[in-house]
Amino acid sequence: MQENLHIEFKREYTTEIKKEVIAFANTSGGVIHVGRDDEGSLYPIADLDATLSQISNSIRDTIMPDVTMFVSYKYENGGIIITVQEGTNKPYYLEEKGLKPSGVYVRQGASSVPASFEQIRGMIKLTDGDSFETSRALLQELTFNTTKAEFEQCGVTFGENQMQTLGIIGTDGLYTNLGLLLSDQCIHTIKFAVFNGTKKGEFKTRKEIDGSLLKQMHTAFDFLNLSNNLAATFSGLYRIEQYDYPEEAVREAMLNAIVHRDYSFSGSIIVNIFDDRMEFVSLGGLMPGLEIEDLLLGVSQPRNEKLASVFYRLKHIEAYGTGLKRIMQYYEDFEVKPEIKATNGAFSLTLPNMNYNRPLKTKPSIKTQHQVILDYLQKNASITNEIIQELIDVKQTRAYTIIREMLEEGLIVKNGSGRDDSEYVLANGI
């Protein structure tokens, strides 16, 4: 015999045996001969029972998930034969190292070697299925300070029972990818870029945020609010204020990108802000069978159902499938509408700047004679034609002309039904 893909020799008990067990269980099974040297020659063990106890305890206590059901032992020729079947709950790993190359081994030729991250992800996907949320997270050293504080602020209990119910902890007691997304160690980010003008060129500012998705949500809202300017126009003397973007539309667009992106890809959510628009780009196209028109009708098939459920429980989203429809409603009376694009791998939503190319009007100048009358009405309840004649030293006909001008400009309104003795008062809002 000689060592190969399915055979390994160990002259005596060594802690390396558990790595060989992991490698065989993660690959296609194999046999470990304890009591043979590297050449395959017999090297009898002095105390078989004690050695077997060391081996079985090591395998039981240090390998996760439990692999013992796939391992059997027997004595032969003064040694121990450990038969390892291929496991059904891959990847198996050293508990102290976790789901990373230093803890996960596979068989390669006659050697057991650390698995690559790609191999580990492949094993997880094979075992757990295609659901990213429910798959075991590669990173298990997680904390949830931000999430716990968010739950407490919303009056929702956050403990181990709730974490299991929500799917943050799987049935095997390990953190899932949903747990990773909500943890302080979340590896996914949001990148912001603010440009001068309407094309990608000169940056005004750039920013990248990380941490729990709940933290990213709040930080993103704060940053976007800083880029949402308030502009004022005047209709007559009435001041009309309007933000560049409806605040609720910006909120819905950001939440849509966070909750519905495909987190199986490592790229960031991208938010580009130009003078005339705000673009939200996230990984993951439409779910199979859906069209953009379906989304606008309110049809919803969340890619991340458990993540959406968490945001719904915390009242950050109101109901599934209503976000894009509400965004369109905010622009119902605006000439330029939001634009939605979807490819197989990405989704983008563009919000038009409502104040772009809309010149800001300065407050119209007021004629001197009109201002004198307005000043009088600021101190008195009403004014008549006779008072106007005396106040600005004009004849009755000229006074009526001035009154008509001020009525047409919305500066004053008539208060009375008489003719010569009619009274006039300030218009509302003046």
Foldseek 3Di string as FASTA:
>chain_A
DAFWLAEAEALADDLCVLLVLLQQQQEAWHKYKHQADNGRHGRADPDAVVRVVVVVCSNQPFKPPNQVVQWDWDDDPRIIMITGGHHLQDNMFGPVVALAQVTGWHGDIRDIHGDHPVSRVVSQCNRVPDQQQQTFDRDQPFAQPPVCVLCVVLVHDDDPVVCDVLRQADPSRTGGVNVLQRTQNNLEKEKEWEAEADDPDHTPDIDIDDGHLVVRLVVVLVVVVVVWDWAWADDLQRIDIDTQADSLLVSLLVVCQSFAADVVDRYYWYWYHYPWKIKTKGWAFDDPPDDPVCLLVQDADGSNVSSVVSCCVSVSDPDHSCSVNVSQVVCVVPPDGWDWDGDRIMIMIMDTGRCPPPDHDDHDDDDPLVVQVVVVLVVPFKDFLVVSCVSVVDDSVVSVVVVVVCVVSQQWDWDDDDDRGTIIHGGPPD
